[in-house]
């Protein structure tokens, strides 16, 4: 499931990423409730959360740059 989250986030398909995250979170929740969650599983989730956060911030920054460039280009037309 982690690979699906990364693929969706990496592709900028944030709706698919949201669905994958919901599935993954449910898997982890069930593991916690069933007392089968391991420290490694929780570390993997934490790392994926951090990776996703950085990736989304990067997409946001690139989108803002493009908007600013478009705005500046229109000012000089």
C-alpha atoms as a PDB file:
ATOM      1  CA  UNK A   1       0.000   0.000   0.000  1.00  0.00           C
ATOM      2  CA  UNK A   2       2.893   2.385   0.719  1.00  0.00           C
ATOM      3  CA  UNK A   3       3.999   2.074  -2.910  1.00  0.00           C
ATOM      4  CA  UNK A   4       0.506   3.031  -4.113  1.00  0.00           C
ATOM      5  CA  UNK A   5       0.520   6.105  -1.877  1.00  0.00           C
ATOM      6  CA  UNK A   6       3.943   7.135  -3.166  1.00  0.00           C
ATOM      7  CA  UNK A   7       2.973   6.535  -6.790  1.00  0.00           C
ATOM      8  CA  UNK A   8      -0.200   8.606  -6.498  1.00  0.00           C
ATOM      9  CA  UNK A   9       1.478  11.464  -4.626  1.00  0.00           C
ATOM     10  CA  UNK A  10       4.474  11.385  -6.965  1.00  0.00           C
ATOM     11  CA  UNK A  11       2.172  11.601  -9.976  1.00  0.00           C
ATOM     12  CA  UNK A  12       0.322  14.541  -8.465  1.00  0.00           C
ATOM     13  CA  UNK A  13      -2.909  12.515  -8.375  1.00  0.00           C
ATOM     14  CA  UNK A  14      -3.990  13.774  -4.995  1.00  0.00           C
ATOM     15  CA  UNK A  15      -7.482  12.300  -5.144  1.00  0.00           C
ATOM     16  CA  UNK A  16      -6.017   8.828  -5.694  1.00  0.00           C
ATOM     17  CA  UNK A  17      -3.446   9.553  -2.978  1.00  0.00           C
ATOM     18  CA  UNK A  18      -6.232  10.450  -0.554  1.00  0.00           C
ATOM     19  CA  UNK A  19      -8.023   7.169  -1.279  1.00  0.00           C
ATOM     20  CA  UNK A  20      -4.783   5.188  -0.871  1.00  0.00           C
ATOM     21  CA  UNK A  21      -4.026   6.982   2.393  1.00  0.00           C
ATOM     22  CA  UNK A  22      -7.494   6.141   3.699  1.00  0.00           C
ATOM     23  CA  UNK A  23      -6.965   2.449   2.889  1.00  0.00           C
ATOM     24  CA  UNK A  24      -3.497   2.433   4.403  1.00  0.00           C
ATOM     25  CA  UNK A  25      -4.657   4.237   7.548  1.00  0.00           C
ATOM     26  CA  UNK A  26      -7.446   1.701   7.946  1.00  0.00           C
ATOM     27  CA  UNK A  27      -4.956  -1.173   7.636  1.00  0.00           C
ATOM     28  CA  UNK A  28      -2.752   0.369  10.312  1.00  0.00           C
ATOM     29  CA  UNK A  29      -5.738   1.148  12.537  1.00  0.00           C
ATOM     30  CA  UNK A  30      -6.871  -2.472  12.360  1.00  0.00           C
ATOM     31  CA  UNK A  31      -3.345  -3.668  13.137  1.00  0.00           C
ATOM     32  CA  UNK A  32      -3.236  -1.383  16.172  1.00  0.00           C
ATOM     33  CA  UNK A  33      -6.647  -2.547  17.363  1.00  0.00           C
ATOM     34  CA  UNK A  34      -5.677  -6.175  16.776  1.00  0.00           C
ATOM     35  CA  UNK A  35      -2.425  -5.617  18.612  1.00  0.00           C
ATOM     36  CA  UNK A  36      -0.440  -6.792  15.586  1.00  0.00           C
ATOM     37  CA  UNK A  37       1.098  -3.421  14.766  1.00  0.00           C
ATOM     38  CA  UNK A  38       4.859  -3.370  15.116  1.00  0.00           C
ATOM     39  CA  UNK A  39       7.147  -0.446  15.837  1.00  0.00           C
ATOM     40  CA  UNK A  40       8.538  -0.914  12.316  1.00  0.00           C
ATOM     41  CA  UNK A  41       5.034  -0.612  10.812  1.00  0.00           C
ATOM     42  CA  UNK A  42       4.438   2.622  12.686  1.00  0.00           C
ATOM     43  CA  UNK A  43       7.880   3.952  11.693  1.00  0.00           C
ATOM     44  CA  UNK A  44       7.111   3.182   8.036  1.00  0.00           C
ATOM     45  CA  UNK A  45       3.851   5.077   8.295  1.00  0.00           C
ATOM     46  CA  UNK A  46       5.535   8.047   9.969  1.00  0.00           C
ATOM     47  CA  UNK A  47       8.194   8.123   7.243  1.00  0.00           C
ATOM     48  CA  UNK A  48       5.538   7.955   4.525  1.00  0.00           C
ATOM     49  CA  UNK A  49       3.608  10.798   6.162  1.00  0.00           C
ATOM     50  CA  UNK A  50       6.762  12.917   6.178  1.00  0.00           C
ATOM     51  CA  UNK A  51       7.663  12.007   2.592  1.00  0.00           C
ATOM     52  CA  UNK A  52       4.113  12.818   1.455  1.00  0.00           C
ATOM     53  CA  UNK A  53       4.169  16.149   3.280  1.00  0.00           C
ATOM     54  CA  UNK A  54       7.398  17.183   1.592  1.00  0.00           C
ATOM     55  CA  UNK A  55       6.178  16.020  -1.826  1.00  0.00           C
ATOM     56  CA  UNK A  56       2.909  17.953  -1.497  1.00  0.00           C
ATOM     57  CA  UNK A  57       4.734  21.080  -0.347  1.00  0.00           C
ATOM     58  CA  UNK A  58       6.996  20.756  -3.381  1.00  0.00           C
ATOM     59  CA  UNK A  59       4.019  20.428  -5.745  1.00  0.00           C
ATOM     60  CA  UNK A  60       2.423  23.446  -4.101  1.00  0.00           C
ATOM     61  CA  UNK A  61       5.578  25.534  -4.444  1.00  0.00           C
ATOM     62  CA  UNK A  62       5.952  24.608  -8.119  1.00  0.00           C
ATOM     63  CA  UNK A  63       2.309  25.468  -8.779  1.00  0.00           C
ATOM     64  CA  UNK A  64       2.743  28.834  -7.054  1.00  0.00           C
ATOM     65  CA  UNK A  65       5.861  29.528  -9.131  1.00  0.00           C
ATOM     66  CA  UNK A  66       3.984  28.757 -12.340  1.00  0.00           C
ATOM     67  CA  UNK A  67       1.138  31.050 -11.327  1.00  0.00           C
ATOM     68  CA  UNK A  68       3.591  33.830 -10.485  1.00  0.00           C
ATOM     69  CA  UNK A  69       5.377  33.377 -13.815  1.00  0.00           C
ATOM     70  CA  UNK A  70       2.081  33.484 -15.692  1.00  0.00           C
ATOM     71  CA  UNK A  71       1.057  36.597 -13.798  1.00  0.00           C
ATOM     72  CA  UNK A  72       4.373  38.307 -14.528  1.00  0.00           C
ATOM     73  CA  UNK A  73       4.243  37.330 -18.201  1.00  0.00           C
ATOM     74  CA  UNK A  74       0.755  38.829 -18.539  1.00  0.00           C
ATOM     75  CA  UNK A  75       2.015  42.091 -17.007  1.00  0.00           C
ATOM     76  CA  UNK A  76       4.511  42.490 -19.857  1.00  0.00           C
ATOM     77  CA  UNK A  77       2.136  41.723 -22.731  1.00  0.00           C
END
